[in-house]
N, C-alpha and C. Protein backbone atom coordinates (compact mmCIF):
# COMPACT_ATOMS: atom_id res chain seq x y z
N MET A 1 113.05 -28.64 152.80
CA MET A 1 112.28 -28.41 154.03
C MET A 1 112.81 -26.78 153.80
N ALA A 2 113.32 -25.99 153.49
CA ALA A 2 113.72 -24.87 153.28
C ALA A 2 112.32 -23.55 152.50
N ALA A 3 112.10 -24.82 151.75
CA ALA A 3 111.16 -24.17 150.54
C ALA A 3 109.81 -24.47 151.68
N SER A 4 109.09 -25.01 151.97
CA SER A 4 108.20 -25.12 152.73
C SER A 4 108.02 -24.03 154.28
N ILE A 5 109.16 -24.00 154.50
CA ILE A 5 109.08 -23.03 155.49
C ILE A 5 108.87 -22.04 154.87
N ASP A 6 109.49 -21.50 154.02
CA ASP A 6 109.15 -20.12 153.75
C ASP A 6 107.37 -20.47 153.50
N ARG A 7 107.37 -21.38 152.84
CA ARG A 7 105.76 -21.30 151.85
C ARG A 7 104.80 -20.89 153.06
N ARG A 8 104.85 -21.59 154.60
CA ARG A 8 103.49 -21.32 155.80
C ARG A 8 104.43 -19.78 156.14
N ASP A 9 105.47 -19.57 156.11
CA ASP A 9 105.41 -17.61 156.40
C ASP A 9 104.67 -17.16 155.46
N VAL A 10 104.72 -17.13 154.35
CA VAL A 10 104.07 -16.48 153.13
C VAL A 10 102.58 -16.57 153.85
N VAL A 11 102.07 -17.77 153.58
CA VAL A 11 100.75 -18.40 154.15
C VAL A 11 100.46 -17.41 155.77
N LEU A 12 101.58 -17.48 156.58
CA LEU A 12 100.92 -16.74 157.93
C LEU A 12 100.75 -15.51 157.52
N ARG A 13 101.67 -14.61 157.15
CA ARG A 13 101.54 -13.18 156.72
C ARG A 13 100.18 -13.06 156.22
N ARG A 14 99.95 -13.50 155.05
CA ARG A 14 98.46 -13.15 154.17
C ARG A 14 97.46 -13.65 154.95
N LEU A 15 97.33 -14.68 155.88
CA LEU A 15 96.60 -14.59 156.77
C LEU A 15 96.64 -13.64 158.12
N LEU A 16 97.56 -13.24 158.38
CA LEU A 16 97.52 -11.62 159.13
C LEU A 16 97.00 -10.45 158.70
N GLY A 17 97.43 -10.59 157.49
CA GLY A 17 97.10 -9.30 156.93
C GLY A 17 95.61 -9.38 156.71
N GLY A 18 94.97 -10.19 156.33
CA GLY A 18 93.46 -10.19 156.06
C GLY A 18 92.35 -10.41 157.39
N MET A 19 93.10 -10.64 158.54
CA MET A 19 92.68 -10.78 159.39
C MET A 19 93.26 -9.32 160.08
N SER A 20 94.07 -8.56 159.91
CA SER A 20 93.83 -6.66 160.17
C SER A 20 93.09 -6.56 159.58
N ILE A 21 92.85 -6.45 158.18
CA ILE A 21 91.99 -5.50 157.89
C ILE A 21 90.82 -6.05 157.91
N PHE A 22 90.32 -7.47 158.18
CA PHE A 22 88.90 -8.13 158.74
C PHE A 22 88.73 -7.24 160.05
N THR A 23 89.41 -7.11 161.07
CA THR A 23 88.94 -6.45 162.57
C THR A 23 89.25 -4.98 162.46
N MET A 24 89.83 -4.33 161.10
CA MET A 24 89.54 -2.60 161.26
C MET A 24 88.40 -2.79 160.42
N VAL A 25 87.20 -3.19 159.83
CA VAL A 25 86.64 -3.39 159.43
C VAL A 25 85.39 -3.24 160.29
N MET A 26 85.48 -4.23 160.95
CA MET A 26 84.65 -4.60 162.41
C MET A 26 84.48 -3.43 163.40
N THR A 27 86.06 -2.55 163.27
CA THR A 27 85.47 -1.66 163.88
C THR A 27 85.02 -0.18 163.65
N ILE A 28 84.90 -0.44 162.29
CA ILE A 28 83.94 0.60 161.72
C ILE A 28 82.46 1.07 162.15
N PRO A 29 81.74 -0.26 162.44
CA PRO A 29 80.76 0.39 163.68
C PRO A 29 80.73 1.19 164.16
N GLN A 30 81.29 0.70 164.78
CA GLN A 30 81.73 1.59 166.01
C GLN A 30 81.75 2.95 165.76
N ILE A 31 82.68 3.21 164.91
CA ILE A 31 82.92 4.38 164.24
C ILE A 31 81.88 5.12 163.91
N VAL A 32 80.72 4.44 163.01
CA VAL A 32 79.37 5.35 162.61
C VAL A 32 78.87 5.60 163.59
N THR A 33 78.68 4.27 164.25
CA THR A 33 77.36 4.49 165.41
C THR A 33 77.79 5.72 166.44
N ILE A 34 79.57 6.08 166.54
CA ILE A 34 79.66 7.25 167.37
C ILE A 34 79.44 8.74 166.90
N TRP A 35 80.49 8.61 165.51
CA TRP A 35 80.23 9.99 164.85
C TRP A 35 78.73 10.13 164.27
N VAL A 36 78.02 9.05 163.65
CA VAL A 36 76.94 9.28 162.94
C VAL A 36 75.81 9.66 163.88
N GLY A 37 75.39 8.69 164.47
CA GLY A 37 74.71 8.89 166.21
C GLY A 37 75.35 9.97 166.76
N GLN A 38 76.39 10.06 167.09
CA GLN A 38 77.10 11.14 168.14
C GLN A 38 76.55 10.89 169.25
N GLN A 39 76.85 9.22 169.22
CA GLN A 39 76.51 8.34 170.93
C GLN A 39 77.69 7.67 171.29
N ALA A 40 78.23 7.87 172.38
CA ALA A 40 79.62 7.11 172.75
C ALA A 40 79.31 6.74 173.91
N ALA A 41 78.28 6.55 174.54
CA ALA A 41 78.10 6.20 175.56
C ALA A 41 78.58 4.86 176.29
N GLY A 42 79.20 4.32 177.04
CA GLY A 42 79.34 2.76 177.18
C GLY A 42 80.92 2.83 176.66
N VAL A 43 81.50 3.49 175.69
CA VAL A 43 82.69 3.31 174.94
C VAL A 43 83.98 3.73 175.58
N SER A 44 84.84 2.78 176.22
CA SER A 44 85.57 3.27 177.57
C SER A 44 86.69 4.29 176.48
N LEU A 45 87.39 5.26 176.89
CA LEU A 45 88.39 6.14 176.87
C LEU A 45 89.42 5.27 176.90
N LEU A 46 89.50 4.74 178.05
CA LEU A 46 91.11 4.39 178.79
C LEU A 46 91.26 2.67 177.67
N SER A 47 89.94 2.25 177.41
CA SER A 47 90.24 0.94 176.56
C SER A 47 91.32 1.52 175.53
N TRP A 48 90.17 2.43 174.89
CA TRP A 48 90.64 2.74 173.07
C TRP A 48 91.98 3.46 173.67
N GLY A 49 92.30 4.43 174.70
CA GLY A 49 93.63 4.66 174.56
C GLY A 49 94.77 4.17 174.54
N ALA A 50 94.55 2.61 175.36
CA ALA A 50 95.57 1.76 175.48
C ALA A 50 95.89 0.86 174.18
N TYR A 51 94.24 1.00 173.03
CA TYR A 51 94.42 0.32 171.98
C TYR A 51 95.95 1.60 171.18
N LEU A 52 95.44 2.25 171.24
CA LEU A 52 96.19 3.29 170.44
C LEU A 52 97.58 3.43 170.75
N VAL A 53 98.04 3.33 172.24
CA VAL A 53 99.46 2.97 172.79
C VAL A 53 99.83 1.93 171.94
N SER A 54 99.07 1.21 172.38
CA SER A 54 99.71 -0.24 171.59
C SER A 54 99.83 -0.23 170.33
N ALA A 55 99.39 0.18 169.54
CA ALA A 55 99.39 0.63 168.22
C ALA A 55 100.18 1.40 167.58
N LEU A 56 100.69 2.38 168.49
CA LEU A 56 102.00 2.96 168.13
C LEU A 56 103.09 2.44 168.83
N LEU A 57 103.55 1.76 169.67
CA LEU A 57 104.66 1.00 169.67
C LEU A 57 104.62 -0.16 168.59
N TRP A 58 103.55 -0.83 168.25
CA TRP A 58 103.87 -1.82 167.21
C TRP A 58 104.18 -1.15 165.74
N CYS A 59 103.63 0.27 165.46
CA CYS A 59 103.95 1.09 164.28
C CYS A 59 105.68 1.32 164.53
N TRP A 60 105.91 1.64 165.74
CA TRP A 60 107.46 1.67 165.69
C TRP A 60 108.65 0.80 165.62
N PHE A 61 107.57 -0.68 165.91
CA PHE A 61 108.67 -1.75 165.99
C PHE A 61 108.76 -2.02 164.66
N GLY A 62 107.42 -2.12 164.09
CA GLY A 62 107.37 -2.68 162.79
C GLY A 62 108.33 -1.54 161.53
N ILE A 63 108.19 -0.13 162.13
CA ILE A 63 109.36 0.65 161.24
C ILE A 63 110.66 0.26 161.34
N ARG A 64 110.89 0.03 162.60
CA ARG A 64 112.25 0.05 162.97
C ARG A 64 112.85 -1.80 162.28
N LYS A 65 111.88 -2.55 162.11
CA LYS A 65 112.38 -3.72 161.66
C LYS A 65 111.99 -3.81 160.21
N GLY A 66 111.51 -2.54 159.89
CA GLY A 66 111.60 -2.34 158.42
C GLY A 66 110.37 -3.57 158.00
N ASP A 67 109.27 -3.71 158.59
CA ASP A 67 108.12 -4.62 158.45
C ASP A 67 106.90 -4.07 158.39
N LYS A 68 106.38 -4.30 156.84
CA LYS A 68 105.15 -3.61 156.47
C LYS A 68 104.35 -4.24 156.88
N ASN A 69 104.50 -5.62 157.07
CA ASN A 69 102.98 -6.21 157.51
C ASN A 69 102.43 -5.73 158.78
N ILE A 70 103.71 -5.22 159.64
CA ILE A 70 103.62 -4.64 160.76
C ILE A 70 103.26 -3.33 160.74
N TYR A 71 104.03 -2.39 160.47
CA TYR A 71 103.63 -0.96 160.19
C TYR A 71 102.31 -0.15 159.51
N LEU A 72 102.62 -0.80 158.28
CA LEU A 72 101.42 -0.89 157.92
C LEU A 72 99.59 -0.99 158.65
N ALA A 73 99.98 -2.49 158.97
CA ALA A 73 98.28 -2.07 159.86
C ALA A 73 98.16 -1.62 161.03
N CYS A 74 99.33 -0.99 161.60
CA CYS A 74 98.83 0.02 162.72
C CYS A 74 98.95 1.25 162.13
N VAL A 75 99.30 1.61 160.83
CA VAL A 75 98.70 2.96 160.98
C VAL A 75 97.16 3.05 160.77
N GLY A 76 96.63 2.02 159.72
CA GLY A 76 95.35 1.49 160.00
C GLY A 76 94.73 2.20 161.35
N TRP A 77 94.85 1.31 162.58
CA TRP A 77 94.31 1.00 163.54
C TRP A 77 94.98 2.51 164.23
N ILE A 78 95.93 3.15 164.04
CA ILE A 78 95.84 4.45 164.52
C ILE A 78 94.68 5.19 164.33
N VAL A 79 94.52 5.20 162.81
CA VAL A 79 93.61 6.08 162.31
C VAL A 79 92.26 5.60 162.93
N LEU A 80 91.81 4.28 163.30
CA LEU A 80 90.74 3.90 163.99
C LEU A 80 90.57 4.43 165.41
N ASP A 81 91.93 4.06 166.35
CA ASP A 81 91.58 4.32 167.50
C ASP A 81 91.18 6.14 168.18
N VAL A 82 92.10 6.68 167.20
CA VAL A 82 91.86 8.25 167.34
C VAL A 82 90.47 8.73 166.83
N ALA A 83 89.75 8.09 165.61
CA ALA A 83 88.60 8.32 165.41
C ALA A 83 87.66 7.66 166.38
N VAL A 84 88.05 6.85 167.36
CA VAL A 84 87.08 6.23 168.30
C VAL A 84 87.11 7.13 169.26
N ILE A 85 88.40 7.54 169.83
CA ILE A 85 88.76 8.60 170.99
C ILE A 85 88.36 10.23 170.79
N LEU A 86 88.32 10.53 169.67
CA LEU A 86 87.63 11.78 169.27
C LEU A 86 86.37 11.86 169.52
N GLY A 87 85.81 10.77 168.96
CA GLY A 87 84.18 10.95 168.85
C GLY A 87 83.57 10.81 170.87
N VAL A 88 84.32 10.32 171.37
CA VAL A 88 84.28 9.50 172.83
C VAL A 88 84.46 10.85 173.61
N ILE A 89 85.33 11.98 173.26
CA ILE A 89 85.78 13.05 174.08
C ILE A 89 84.84 13.87 173.30
N LEU A 90 84.20 14.21 172.21
CA LEU A 90 83.21 14.94 171.36
C LEU A 90 82.04 14.56 172.33
N TYR A 91 81.44 13.50 171.90
CA TYR A 91 79.84 12.66 172.32
C TYR A 91 80.12 12.23 173.53
N GLY A 92 80.77 11.92 174.29
CA GLY A 92 80.36 10.74 175.74
C GLY A 92 80.64 11.48 176.77
C-alpha cells in the first residue's frame, strides 16, 4: 500500500511541475506584448501585484519546508510577475 501512495505522490509532483512550466510559458506572450510592443493597456497592476505577493509568500513557505517543487516554481513566477509589473509601470 505504501508503494502505491509514494508512486501517486511522484506522479502528482511531476504533474504539478509540468503545469508550473506550462503556465509560465503561457505567460510569456503577455510579457512579449508588453515589452516588445510597448503596450500594457488593459493589464492590471493590482492583479499582477497580487500574483507577485502570492508568489513571494509561496516561495517563503517552500523554502521553510525545504520543498524545491514549491520554491523553484515560485522563483520563475516572481521573475515573470516582476517583468509584467515593470512593463505596466513603464508602458501602461
